Protein backbone atom coordinates (compact mmCIF):
# COMPACT_ATOMS: atom_id res chain seq x y z
CA MET A 1 25.63 -18.71 -1.05
CA SER A 2 22.34 -18.24 0.84
CA ASP A 3 19.10 -19.68 -0.53
CA ASP A 4 17.77 -16.15 -1.16
CA ILE A 5 20.81 -15.10 -3.19
CA ALA A 6 20.69 -18.38 -5.10
CA ALA A 7 17.04 -17.68 -5.94
CA ALA A 8 18.00 -14.20 -7.15
CA ARG A 9 20.74 -15.54 -9.41
CA ALA A 10 18.38 -18.18 -10.80
CA ALA A 11 15.76 -15.49 -11.55
CA LEU A 12 18.34 -13.29 -13.29
CA LYS A 13 19.29 -16.16 -15.61
CA THR A 14 15.73 -16.10 -16.99
CA ILE A 15 16.06 -12.43 -18.04
CA PRO A 16 18.08 -11.92 -21.24
CA GLN A 17 19.68 -8.59 -20.27
CA PHE A 18 20.76 -9.97 -16.85
CA ARG A 19 21.63 -13.56 -17.82
CA ASP A 20 25.38 -12.94 -17.59
CA TYR A 21 25.32 -10.77 -14.44
CA ARG A 22 28.13 -11.79 -12.05
CA GLY A 23 28.18 -8.76 -9.75
CA GLU A 24 27.10 -8.31 -6.16
CA ILE A 25 23.53 -9.06 -5.07
CA VAL A 26 22.25 -7.50 -1.84
CA ARG A 27 19.00 -8.53 -0.14
CA LEU A 28 16.91 -5.44 0.60
CA GLY A 29 13.93 -6.87 2.47
CA GLY A 30 10.20 -7.20 1.80
CA MET A 31 7.28 -8.48 3.89
CA THR A 32 5.94 -10.94 1.33
CA ASN A 33 8.43 -10.76 -1.53
CA LEU A 34 12.20 -11.12 -1.94
CA VAL A 35 13.78 -7.83 -3.02
CA PHE A 36 17.42 -7.37 -4.06
CA LYS A 37 19.80 -4.67 -5.25
CA VAL A 38 21.49 -5.90 -8.41
CA GLY A 39 24.00 -3.29 -9.52
CA ASP A 40 21.99 -0.24 -10.60
CA PHE A 41 18.75 -2.19 -10.56
CA CYS A 42 16.23 -3.71 -8.16
CA LEU A 43 15.02 -7.31 -8.54
CA ARG A 44 11.70 -8.45 -7.04
CA ILE A 45 10.75 -12.13 -6.70
CA PRO A 46 7.13 -12.66 -5.56
CA GLY A 47 6.40 -14.39 -2.28
CA LYS A 48 4.74 -17.75 -1.74
CA GLY A 49 0.95 -17.67 -2.03
CA THR A 50 0.71 -14.13 -3.44
CA GLU A 51 -0.76 -15.51 -6.66
CA GLU A 52 -3.98 -16.14 -4.69
CA TYR A 53 -4.78 -12.45 -4.44
CA ILE A 54 -2.47 -10.46 -6.78
CA ASP A 55 -2.89 -10.16 -10.55
CA ARG A 56 0.66 -9.85 -11.86
CA ALA A 57 -0.43 -8.76 -15.34
CA ASN A 58 -2.32 -5.82 -13.81
CA GLU A 59 0.62 -5.01 -11.56
CA SER A 60 2.97 -4.84 -14.55
CA VAL A 61 0.72 -2.33 -16.33
CA MET A 62 0.33 -0.20 -13.19
CA ALA A 63 4.05 -0.14 -12.40
CA ARG A 64 4.79 1.08 -15.92
CA GLU A 65 2.00 3.68 -15.77
CA ALA A 66 3.34 4.95 -12.43
CA ALA A 67 6.83 5.24 -13.92
CA ARG A 68 5.43 7.25 -16.84
CA ALA A 69 3.69 9.50 -14.30
CA GLY A 70 7.09 10.23 -12.76
CA VAL A 71 6.33 8.84 -9.32
CA SER A 72 8.00 5.42 -9.58
CA PRO A 73 11.26 4.03 -11.02
CA GLU A 74 11.52 2.78 -14.60
CA VAL A 75 10.47 -0.84 -15.17
CA LEU A 76 13.03 -2.79 -17.20
CA HIS A 77 11.48 -6.25 -16.98
CA SER A 78 8.17 -7.63 -15.80
CA ASP A 79 6.98 -11.22 -16.24
CA ALA A 80 3.26 -11.58 -15.61
CA ALA A 81 3.57 -15.37 -15.44
CA THR A 82 6.24 -15.53 -12.72
CA GLY A 83 5.85 -12.09 -11.12
CA VAL A 84 9.58 -11.42 -11.42
CA MET A 85 10.22 -7.70 -11.94
CA VAL A 86 13.30 -5.52 -12.42
CA THR A 87 13.22 -1.76 -11.91
CA ARG A 88 15.86 0.93 -11.82
CA PHE A 89 17.40 1.44 -8.37
CA VAL A 90 16.87 4.94 -6.92
CA ALA A 91 20.35 6.02 -5.82
CA GLY A 92 20.74 8.31 -2.83
CA ALA A 93 17.24 7.63 -1.51
CA GLU A 94 16.32 6.57 2.00
CA THR A 95 13.77 3.81 2.45
CA MET A 96 11.13 5.28 4.71
CA THR A 97 10.00 4.00 8.11
CA PRO A 98 7.76 5.58 10.75
CA ARG A 99 10.92 6.89 12.42
CA ASN A 100 12.21 8.39 9.18
CA PHE A 101 8.88 10.11 8.60
CA ARG A 102 9.28 11.68 12.06
CA GLU A 103 12.92 12.65 11.69
CA ARG A 104 13.30 13.65 8.02
CA ALA A 105 12.05 17.22 7.87
CA GLY A 106 9.33 17.80 5.30
CA SER A 107 8.83 14.12 4.49
CA PRO A 108 5.05 14.06 5.18
CA ALA A 109 4.70 17.02 2.80
CA ARG A 110 6.79 15.28 0.13
CA ALA A 111 4.52 12.25 0.47
CA GLY A 112 1.47 14.47 0.03
CA LYS A 113 3.00 15.99 -3.10
CA VAL A 114 3.88 12.66 -4.71
CA PHE A 115 0.32 11.46 -4.05
CA ARG A 116 -1.02 14.61 -5.73
CA ARG A 117 1.25 14.04 -8.74
CA LEU A 118 0.03 10.44 -9.06
CA HIS A 119 -3.62 11.29 -8.60
CA ASP A 120 -3.47 14.17 -11.09
CA SER A 121 -1.45 12.20 -13.66
CA GLY A 122 -4.37 10.84 -15.62
CA ALA A 123 -2.86 7.36 -15.43
CA GLN A 124 -5.37 4.57 -16.04
CA PHE A 125 -4.98 1.39 -14.00
CA PRO A 126 -6.69 -1.86 -15.10
CA PHE A 127 -7.90 -2.75 -11.59
CA ARG A 128 -10.65 -1.15 -9.48
CA PHE A 129 -9.69 -1.14 -5.79
CA GLU A 130 -13.07 -1.53 -4.10
CA LEU A 131 -12.90 -1.78 -0.32
CA PHE A 132 -15.94 -3.89 0.46
CA SER A 133 -15.48 -6.22 -2.51
CA MET A 134 -11.89 -6.81 -1.43
CA ILE A 135 -13.03 -7.61 2.12
CA ASP A 136 -15.40 -10.19 0.63
CA ASP A 137 -12.64 -11.60 -1.58
CA TYR A 138 -10.20 -11.92 1.32
CA LEU A 139 -12.87 -13.56 3.47
CA ARG A 140 -13.40 -16.11 0.68
CA VAL A 141 -9.67 -16.86 0.61
CA LEU A 142 -9.67 -17.24 4.40
CA SER A 143 -12.67 -19.56 4.30
CA THR A 144 -10.32 -22.19 2.85
CA LYS A 145 -7.68 -21.65 5.57
CA ASP A 146 -7.41 -22.81 9.16
CA VAL A 147 -7.16 -19.33 10.70
CA ALA A 148 -9.63 -17.67 13.08
CA LEU A 149 -10.92 -14.14 12.55
CA PRO A 150 -10.63 -11.72 15.49
CA ALA A 151 -13.71 -11.82 17.72
CA GLY A 152 -16.33 -9.36 16.49
CA TYR A 153 -14.86 -8.92 13.00
CA HIS A 154 -18.09 -9.61 11.10
CA ALA A 155 -20.06 -7.21 13.34
CA VAL A 156 -17.64 -4.36 12.60
CA VAL A 157 -17.79 -5.14 8.87
CA ARG A 158 -21.60 -4.94 9.03
CA GLU A 159 -21.41 -1.60 10.85
CA ALA A 160 -18.97 -0.22 8.28
CA ASP A 161 -21.00 -1.60 5.39
CA GLN A 162 -24.02 0.36 6.61
CA ALA A 163 -22.80 3.70 7.95
CA VAL A 164 -19.42 4.20 6.27
CA ARG A 165 -20.36 2.81 2.88
CA ALA A 166 -23.43 5.03 2.68
CA ALA A 167 -21.46 8.13 3.67
CA LEU A 168 -18.73 7.50 1.11
CA ALA A 169 -21.31 6.84 -1.61
CA ALA A 170 -23.28 10.03 -0.88
CA HIS A 171 -20.68 12.24 -2.59
CA PRO A 172 -18.21 9.94 -4.37
CA LEU A 173 -14.93 11.38 -5.57
CA PRO A 174 -13.79 10.64 -9.13
CA LEU A 175 -11.71 7.47 -9.21
CA VAL A 176 -8.03 8.04 -9.96
CA ALA A 177 -4.86 5.96 -10.13
CA CYS A 178 -3.90 5.18 -6.52
CA HIS A 179 -1.16 3.19 -4.83
CA CYS A 180 -3.59 1.72 -2.25
CA ASP A 181 -0.88 0.06 -0.11
CA PRO A 182 1.31 2.92 1.15
CA LEU A 183 3.54 1.12 3.63
CA CYS A 184 6.36 3.38 4.75
CA GLU A 185 8.84 1.00 3.11
CA ASN A 186 7.18 1.64 -0.26
CA PHE A 187 8.42 5.24 -0.12
CA LEU A 188 11.94 6.28 -1.12
CA ASP A 189 12.96 9.79 -0.07
CA THR A 190 15.88 11.73 -1.56
CA GLY A 191 15.24 14.73 0.69
CA GLU A 192 13.99 16.67 -2.33
CA ARG A 193 11.34 14.34 -3.69
CA MET A 194 9.57 11.14 -2.79
CA TRP A 195 9.30 8.04 -4.98
CA ILE A 196 6.74 5.24 -4.55
CA VAL A 197 7.41 1.56 -5.33
CA ASP A 198 5.47 -1.75 -5.23
CA TRP A 199 2.21 -1.56 -7.21
CA GLU A 200 0.80 -4.99 -6.30
CA TYR A 201 -2.39 -3.63 -4.72
CA ALA A 202 -2.77 -0.47 -6.80
CA GLY A 203 -5.92 0.45 -8.68
CA MET A 204 -8.45 3.10 -9.51
CA ASN A 205 -9.73 4.32 -6.17
CA ASP A 206 -10.91 7.25 -4.07
CA PRO A 207 -7.67 9.27 -3.81
CA LEU A 208 -8.07 9.95 -0.12
CA TRP A 209 -7.60 6.27 0.67
CA ASP A 210 -3.89 6.78 0.00
CA LEU A 211 -3.64 9.62 2.52
CA GLY A 212 -5.56 7.82 5.25
CA ASP A 213 -3.64 4.59 4.78
CA LEU A 214 -0.22 6.28 4.87
CA SER A 215 -1.20 8.14 8.06
CA VAL A 216 -1.89 4.77 9.69
CA GLU A 217 1.18 2.99 8.33
CA ALA A 218 3.54 5.80 9.35
CA GLY A 219 1.86 6.41 12.70
CA PHE A 220 1.41 10.09 11.89
CA ASP A 221 0.54 12.39 14.75
CA ALA A 222 -1.88 15.27 14.17
CA ALA A 223 0.89 17.64 13.00
CA GLN A 224 2.31 15.15 10.48
CA GLU A 225 -1.14 14.35 9.12
CA GLU A 226 -1.88 18.06 8.78
CA GLU A 227 1.45 18.62 6.97
CA MET A 228 0.66 15.84 4.49
CA MET A 229 -2.88 17.12 3.85
CA HIS A 230 -1.80 20.76 3.45
CA ALA A 231 0.79 19.73 0.86
CA TYR A 232 -1.75 17.56 -0.94
CA PHE A 233 -4.64 20.05 -0.97
CA GLY A 234 -2.54 23.20 -1.20
CA GLY A 235 -4.08 24.40 2.06
CA ALA A 236 -6.38 23.20 4.81
CA PRO A 237 -8.74 20.41 3.75
CA ARG A 238 -12.49 20.88 3.91
CA PRO A 239 -14.29 18.92 6.70
CA ALA A 240 -15.55 16.35 4.19
CA GLU A 241 -12.02 15.84 2.83
CA HIS A 242 -10.51 15.49 6.28
CA GLY A 243 -13.38 13.17 7.19
CA ARG A 244 -12.63 10.85 4.27
CA VAL A 245 -8.99 10.60 5.36
CA VAL A 246 -10.04 9.65 8.90
CA VAL A 247 -12.68 7.17 7.71
CA TYR A 248 -10.12 5.46 5.51
CA LYS A 249 -7.73 5.22 8.44
CA ALA A 250 -10.25 2.86 10.06
CA MET A 251 -11.16 1.07 6.84
CA CYS A 252 -7.58 0.27 5.84
CA ASP A 253 -7.06 -1.44 9.19
CA LEU A 254 -10.29 -3.37 8.67
CA LEU A 255 -9.09 -4.62 5.28
CA TRP A 256 -5.43 -5.27 6.10
CA THR A 257 -6.46 -7.31 9.15
CA LEU A 258 -7.57 -9.95 6.65
CA TRP A 259 -4.38 -9.59 4.61
CA GLY A 260 -2.38 -10.32 7.76
CA LEU A 261 -4.42 -13.45 8.41
CA ILE A 262 -3.74 -14.67 4.88
CA GLN A 263 -0.01 -14.22 5.53
CA LEU A 264 -0.43 -16.18 8.77
CA ALA A 265 -2.22 -18.98 6.94
CA ASN A 266 0.51 -19.04 4.28
CA LYS A 267 3.17 -19.30 7.03
CA ASN A 268 4.92 -16.10 5.93
CA PRO A 269 7.90 -15.84 8.35
CA ALA A 270 8.46 -12.10 7.88
CA ASP A 271 6.40 -11.04 10.91
CA ASP A 272 4.10 -12.20 13.71
CA PHE A 273 1.00 -11.92 11.54
CA ARG A 274 -1.37 -13.03 14.29
CA ALA A 275 -0.31 -10.01 16.34
CA TYR A 276 -0.31 -7.87 13.19
CA ALA A 277 -3.93 -8.75 12.40
CA ASP A 278 -5.16 -8.43 15.98
CA THR A 279 -3.45 -5.04 16.39
CA ARG A 280 -4.95 -3.77 13.14
CA PHE A 281 -8.46 -4.82 14.10
CA ALA A 282 -8.19 -3.42 17.63
CA ARG A 283 -7.00 -0.07 16.27
CA CYS A 284 -9.89 0.00 13.79
CA ARG A 285 -12.43 -0.60 16.57
CA VAL A 286 -10.91 2.04 18.84
CA LEU A 287 -11.08 4.68 16.10
CA MET A 288 -14.63 3.78 15.05
CA GLU A 289 -15.82 3.97 18.68
CA THR A 290 -14.52 7.52 19.28
CA PRO A 291 -17.18 10.27 19.33
CA ALA A 292 -15.19 12.18 16.70
CA PHE A 293 -15.46 9.34 14.19
CA ALA A 294 -19.23 9.73 13.88
CA GLY A 295 -18.67 13.43 13.19
CA HIS A 296 -16.22 12.63 10.40
CA VAL A 297 -18.69 10.14 8.88
CA ALA A 298 -21.38 12.83 8.99
CA ALA A 299 -19.06 15.33 7.33
CA VAL A 300 -18.35 12.85 4.54
CA ALA A 301 -22.06 12.17 4.08
CA GLY A 302 -22.76 15.90 3.94
CA GLY A 303 -20.12 16.50 1.29
């Protein structure tokens, strides 16, 4: 028995309804956590060091709220102390990847629709996802680690804090329940509807963060991004709406650069997190330096 499967069986023994489970356990993946298929259910064991920046009590509330909104699977068990969670497994669904978003017809539109359902649900999350506060929080975590920031990081943060922050604040959108971490692998597609899983970073946020972040994570081209936005808005977005999506494409890379460095410091073996962070930051700078980016910022500021 592998160490991962042994950990899964040990976790199941702490959950009354799964204490006597003797069936097959299949490792599903996860960048920071251990995720398993356990019969008709999905078991999640949190990764090392995640307690430094994830509030498991908040996550439990948000996962249940998302399930009630009809965008995420039912939660059967959630332990705020250990972070162990069990949800219902979505049968017949494909875990999404950038390639699947390219090849599965209509998938960007289905993602746009599930975002709209979440954002319109009225769900109330106990955490406020605030971009610049989270950058500060992650920088504080990193100040205790032996990991170097990419050259020029603080200068780009200062630039964003001035121009982008002011533009976004000029005409703020009402905060709604958002996923906030739309990795492709957090989407499960049946071909008819999309489900979203993993609510660790969720919170009340500007809804267009979700669209911009997914566009980056999935590597959407212009046509895919347009398909997602048309499904979300029910037509072509206004310049200010499109501008917010583009601005958040840069800002999510700015934030998740720091997340990658925390994974590097915590010796997470799931990826080359030095390359991950450097790639994120480089992509952020390239987008912010394009002439079109200033136009999008102006459109956001103009409302």
